[in-house]
Amino acid sequence: MKTQKRKEQGASLVEYILTLALILLIGMVGLKGLGEATSSEFKKVADVFDGSGGSADGPAATGPEEDDQLAGDGCPPEGC
Protein backbone atom coordinates (compact mmCIF):
# COMPACT_ATOMS: atom_id res chain seq x y z
CA MET A 1 0.00 0.00 0.00
CA LYS A 2 1.35 3.38 -0.98
CA THR A 3 0.90 6.40 1.24
CA GLN A 4 0.50 9.67 -0.50
CA LYS A 5 2.48 12.56 0.91
CA ARG A 6 0.99 16.00 0.58
CA LYS A 7 3.32 18.67 -0.65
CA GLU A 8 3.26 21.89 1.29
CA GLN A 9 3.19 24.78 -1.09
CA GLY A 10 3.15 28.15 0.59
CA ALA A 11 1.96 29.08 4.03
CA SER A 12 -1.19 27.72 5.56
CA LEU A 13 -4.03 29.88 6.83
CA VAL A 14 -2.85 29.43 10.42
CA GLU A 15 0.60 30.77 9.57
CA TYR A 16 -0.93 33.81 7.87
CA ILE A 17 -3.11 34.51 10.91
CA LEU A 18 -0.16 34.19 13.31
CA THR A 19 1.96 36.50 11.16
CA LEU A 20 -0.83 39.07 10.98
CA ALA A 21 -1.38 38.88 14.76
CA LEU A 22 2.34 39.48 15.40
CA ILE A 23 2.39 42.47 13.06
CA LEU A 24 -0.70 43.95 14.71
CA LEU A 25 0.76 43.43 18.20
CA ILE A 26 3.99 45.19 17.27
CA GLY A 27 2.01 48.03 15.69
CA MET A 28 -0.21 48.49 18.74
CA VAL A 29 2.77 48.61 21.11
CA GLY A 30 4.54 51.14 18.88
CA LEU A 31 1.47 53.35 18.52
CA LYS A 32 0.84 53.28 22.26
CA GLY A 33 4.35 54.58 22.96
CA LEU A 34 4.02 57.21 20.26
CA GLY A 35 0.63 58.27 21.62
CA GLU A 36 1.97 58.70 25.16
CA ALA A 37 4.90 60.79 23.92
CA THR A 38 2.62 62.94 21.78
CA SER A 39 0.15 63.41 24.62
CA SER A 40 2.97 64.53 26.92
CA GLU A 41 4.13 67.12 24.40
CA PHE A 42 0.61 68.47 23.88
CA LYS A 43 0.18 68.73 27.66
CA LYS A 44 3.35 70.81 27.92
CA VAL A 45 2.09 73.18 25.22
CA ALA A 46 -1.35 73.42 26.85
CA ASP A 47 0.25 74.20 30.23
CA VAL A 48 2.18 77.09 28.69
CA PHE A 49 -1.01 78.52 27.14
CA ASP A 50 -2.87 78.06 30.44
CA GLY A 51 -0.16 80.04 32.21
CA SER A 52 0.65 77.25 34.61
CA GLY A 53 4.31 77.60 33.77
CA GLY A 54 5.21 74.38 32.02
CA SER A 55 7.51 71.72 33.40
CA ALA A 56 10.78 71.90 35.33
CA ASP A 57 12.82 71.56 32.12
CA GLY A 58 10.78 74.13 30.15
CA PRO A 59 10.43 77.90 30.43
CA ALA A 60 7.68 79.43 32.52
CA ALA A 61 4.98 81.52 30.84
CA THR A 62 5.87 84.59 32.93
CA GLY A 63 8.78 85.12 35.25
CA PRO A 64 8.57 86.46 38.80
CA GLU A 65 10.06 89.78 37.64
CA GLU A 66 7.15 90.36 35.30
CA ASP A 67 4.59 89.40 37.95
CA ASP A 68 6.07 91.94 40.43
CA GLN A 69 5.77 94.76 37.89
CA LEU A 70 2.07 94.23 37.13
CA ALA A 71 -0.83 95.73 39.06
CA GLY A 72 -3.83 93.65 40.11
CA ASP A 73 -5.56 94.28 36.77
CA GLY A 74 -2.57 93.02 34.74
CA CYS A 75 -1.34 96.49 33.79
CA PRO A 76 2.01 98.00 34.77
CA PRO A 77 1.93 100.61 37.58
CA GLU A 78 2.12 103.45 35.06
CA GLY A 79 -1.13 102.31 33.41
CA CYS A 80 -2.22 100.43 30.29
C-alpha atoms as a PDB file:
ATOM      1  CA  MET A   1       0.000   0.000   0.000  1.00  0.00           C
ATOM      2  CA  LYS A   2       1.353   3.380  -0.980  1.00  0.00           C
ATOM      3  CA  THR A   3       0.898   6.398   1.236  1.00  0.00           C
ATOM      4  CA  GLN A   4       0.501   9.670  -0.504  1.00  0.00           C
ATOM      5  CA  LYS A   5       2.480  12.559   0.910  1.00  0.00           C
ATOM      6  CA  ARG A   6       0.990  16.004   0.580  1.00  0.00           C
ATOM      7  CA  LYS A   7       3.321  18.670  -0.650  1.00  0.00           C
ATOM      8  CA  GLU A   8       3.264  21.894   1.288  1.00  0.00           C
ATOM      9  CA  GLN A   9       3.194  24.779  -1.091  1.00  0.00           C
ATOM     10  CA  GLY A  10       3.151  28.153   0.593  1.00  0.00           C
ATOM     11  CA  ALA A  11       1.957  29.082   4.032  1.00  0.00           C
ATOM     12  CA  SER A  12      -1.187  27.721   5.563  1.00  0.00           C
ATOM     13  CA  LEU A  13      -4.031  29.882   6.830  1.00  0.00           C
ATOM     14  CA  VAL A  14      -2.849  29.432  10.421  1.00  0.00           C
ATOM     15  CA  GLU A  15       0.598  30.769   9.573  1.00  0.00           C
ATOM     16  CA  TYR A  16      -0.934  33.812   7.872  1.00  0.00           C
ATOM     17  CA  ILE A  17      -3.113  34.506  10.915  1.00  0.00           C
ATOM     18  CA  LEU A  18      -0.159  34.187  13.314  1.00  0.00           C
ATOM     19  CA  THR A  19       1.962  36.501  11.164  1.00  0.00           C
ATOM     20  CA  LEU A  20      -0.831  39.074  10.977  1.00  0.00           C
ATOM     21  CA  ALA A  21      -1.377  38.878  14.758  1.00  0.00           C
ATOM     22  CA  LEU A  22       2.340  39.475  15.396  1.00  0.00           C
ATOM     23  CA  ILE A  23       2.394  42.473  13.058  1.00  0.00           C
ATOM     24  CA  LEU A  24      -0.702  43.946  14.715  1.00  0.00           C
ATOM     25  CA  LEU A  25       0.760  43.428  18.195  1.00  0.00           C
ATOM     26  CA  ILE A  26       3.988  45.187  17.267  1.00  0.00           C
ATOM     27  CA  GLY A  27       2.006  48.031  15.686  1.00  0.00           C
ATOM     28  CA  MET A  28      -0.208  48.492  18.740  1.00  0.00           C
ATOM     29  CA  VAL A  29       2.771  48.611  21.115  1.00  0.00           C
ATOM     30  CA  GLY A  30       4.536  51.141  18.884  1.00  0.00           C
ATOM     31  CA  LEU A  31       1.474  53.350  18.523  1.00  0.00           C
ATOM     32  CA  LYS A  32       0.838  53.284  22.259  1.00  0.00           C
ATOM     33  CA  GLY A  33       4.346  54.583  22.959  1.00  0.00           C
ATOM     34  CA  LEU A  34       4.016  57.209  20.261  1.00  0.00           C
ATOM     35  CA  GLY A  35       0.626  58.270  21.620  1.00  0.00           C
ATOM     36  CA  GLU A  36       1.968  58.700  25.157  1.00  0.00           C
ATOM     37  CA  ALA A  37       4.903  60.793  23.920  1.00  0.00           C
ATOM     38  CA  THR A  38       2.617  62.943  21.779  1.00  0.00           C
ATOM     39  CA  SER A  39       0.150  63.413  24.623  1.00  0.00           C
ATOM     40  CA  SER A  40       2.968  64.525  26.916  1.00  0.00           C
ATOM     41  CA  GLU A  41       4.135  67.123  24.397  1.00  0.00           C
ATOM     42  CA  PHE A  42       0.607  68.472  23.880  1.00  0.00           C
ATOM     43  CA  LYS A  43       0.177  68.726  27.656  1.00  0.00           C
ATOM     44  CA  LYS A  44       3.352  70.814  27.919  1.00  0.00           C
ATOM     45  CA  VAL A  45       2.087  73.181  25.216  1.00  0.00           C
ATOM     46  CA  ALA A  46      -1.350  73.423  26.851  1.00  0.00           C
ATOM     47  CA  ASP A  47       0.255  74.202  30.226  1.00  0.00           C
ATOM     48  CA  VAL A  48       2.178  77.092  28.690  1.00  0.00           C
ATOM     49  CA  PHE A  49      -1.005  78.519  27.144  1.00  0.00           C
ATOM     50  CA  ASP A  50      -2.871  78.061  30.441  1.00  0.00           C
ATOM     51  CA  GLY A  51      -0.159  80.043  32.208  1.00  0.00           C
ATOM     52  CA  SER A  52       0.651  77.246  34.613  1.00  0.00           C
ATOM     53  CA  GLY A  53       4.312  77.601  33.774  1.00  0.00           C
ATOM     54  CA  GLY A  54       5.213  74.379  32.020  1.00  0.00           C
ATOM     55  CA  SER A  55       7.511  71.723  33.404  1.00  0.00           C
ATOM     56  CA  ALA A  56      10.776  71.901  35.326  1.00  0.00           C
ATOM     57  CA  ASP A  57      12.819  71.565  32.122  1.00  0.00           C
ATOM     58  CA  GLY A  58      10.783  74.128  30.147  1.00  0.00           C
ATOM     59  CA  PRO A  59      10.430  77.898  30.430  1.00  0.00           C
ATOM     60  CA  ALA A  60       7.684  79.429  32.519  1.00  0.00           C
ATOM     61  CA  ALA A  61       4.977  81.516  30.837  1.00  0.00           C
ATOM     62  CA  THR A  62       5.870  84.594  32.934  1.00  0.00           C
ATOM     63  CA  GLY A  63       8.782  85.118  35.253  1.00  0.00           C
ATOM     64  CA  PRO A  64       8.574  86.459  38.797  1.00  0.00           C
ATOM     65  CA  GLU A  65      10.059  89.779  37.644  1.00  0.00           C
ATOM     66  CA  GLU A  66       7.148  90.359  35.301  1.00  0.00           C
ATOM     67  CA  ASP A  67       4.592  89.399  37.955  1.00  0.00           C
ATOM     68  CA  ASP A  68       6.066  91.941  40.429  1.00  0.00           C
ATOM     69  CA  GLN A  69       5.772  94.765  37.889  1.00  0.00           C
ATOM     70  CA  LEU A  70       2.067  94.225  37.129  1.00  0.00           C
ATOM     71  CA  ALA A  71      -0.826  95.730  39.060  1.00  0.00           C
ATOM     72  CA  GLY A  72      -3.828  93.655  40.112  1.00  0.00           C
ATOM     73  CA  ASP A  73      -5.559  94.278  36.773  1.00  0.00           C
ATOM     74  CA  GLY A  74      -2.567  93.015  34.737  1.00  0.00           C
ATOM     75  CA  CYS A  75      -1.342  96.492  33.792  1.00  0.00           C
ATOM     76  CA  PRO A  76       2.007  98.000  34.766  1.00  0.00           C
ATOM     77  CA  PRO A  77       1.929 100.612  37.583  1.00  0.00           C
ATOM     78  CA  GLU A  78       2.125 103.455  35.060  1.00  0.00           C
ATOM     79  CA  GLY A  79      -1.132 102.315  33.409  1.00  0.00           C
ATOM     80  CA  CYS A  80      -2.221 100.434  30.294  1.00  0.00           C
END
